[in-house]
Amino acid sequence: MKSREATWTSQSGTEMLARRMTSWAGAPSTCRFSVKNTRTSWTCHWRKEKVF
């Protein structure tokens, strides 16, 4: 399956948002946290696999 890429940018509640999205994906994901100037950005990549 194709891999999804998501990026969020917010000043606060970034961790919770990323966690919610990763949990919503329901698949092991790898998230990268980067801070540029005064902006926090989360970049998560996860695979969409079949779960029975």
Protein backbone atom coordinates (compact mmCIF):
# COMPACT_ATOMS: atom_id res chain seq x y z
CA MET A 1 0.00 0.00 0.00
CA LYS A 2 1.03 3.58 -0.40
CA SER A 3 2.49 5.45 2.55
CA ARG A 4 0.79 8.50 3.97
CA GLU A 5 2.56 11.67 4.97
CA ALA A 6 1.10 14.20 7.35
CA THR A 7 2.46 17.43 8.70
CA TRP A 8 0.98 19.61 11.41
CA THR A 9 2.04 23.08 12.48
CA SER A 10 0.76 24.65 15.66
CA GLN A 11 2.03 26.70 18.56
CA SER A 12 0.57 24.53 21.32
CA GLY A 13 -0.87 21.06 21.72
CA THR A 14 1.35 19.68 18.96
CA GLU A 15 2.26 16.54 20.85
CA MET A 16 -1.35 15.71 21.66
CA LEU A 17 -2.41 16.33 18.08
CA ALA A 18 0.37 14.15 16.71
CA ARG A 19 -0.44 11.41 19.20
CA ARG A 20 -4.12 11.53 18.30
CA MET A 21 -3.38 11.33 14.59
CA THR A 22 -0.89 8.49 15.04
CA SER A 23 -3.34 6.57 17.22
CA TRP A 24 -6.06 7.28 14.67
CA ALA A 25 -3.85 5.79 11.96
CA GLY A 26 -3.70 2.58 13.98
CA ALA A 27 -0.28 1.64 12.65
CA PRO A 28 3.31 1.92 13.90
CA SER A 29 4.50 5.33 12.80
CA THR A 30 7.69 7.33 12.93
CA CYS A 31 7.32 10.94 13.96
CA ARG A 32 9.86 13.70 13.70
CA PHE A 33 9.70 16.78 15.87
CA SER A 34 11.38 19.95 14.68
CA VAL A 35 11.33 23.51 15.95
CA LYS A 36 12.01 26.38 13.59
CA ASN A 37 12.09 29.90 15.00
CA THR A 38 8.92 29.90 17.11
CA ARG A 39 7.04 27.24 15.17
CA THR A 40 6.74 23.59 16.10
CA SER A 41 6.15 21.09 13.35
CA TRP A 42 5.40 17.39 13.48
CA THR A 43 6.09 15.11 10.53
CA CYS A 44 4.72 11.59 10.74
CA HIS A 45 5.03 8.76 8.25
CA TRP A 46 3.13 5.54 8.60
CA ARG A 47 2.20 2.57 6.48
CA LYS A 48 -1.35 1.50 5.90
CA GLU A 49 -1.44 -2.21 6.56
CA LYS A 50 -4.26 -4.69 6.82
CA VAL A 51 -5.18 -5.62 10.37
CA PHE A 52 -7.42 -8.56 11.16
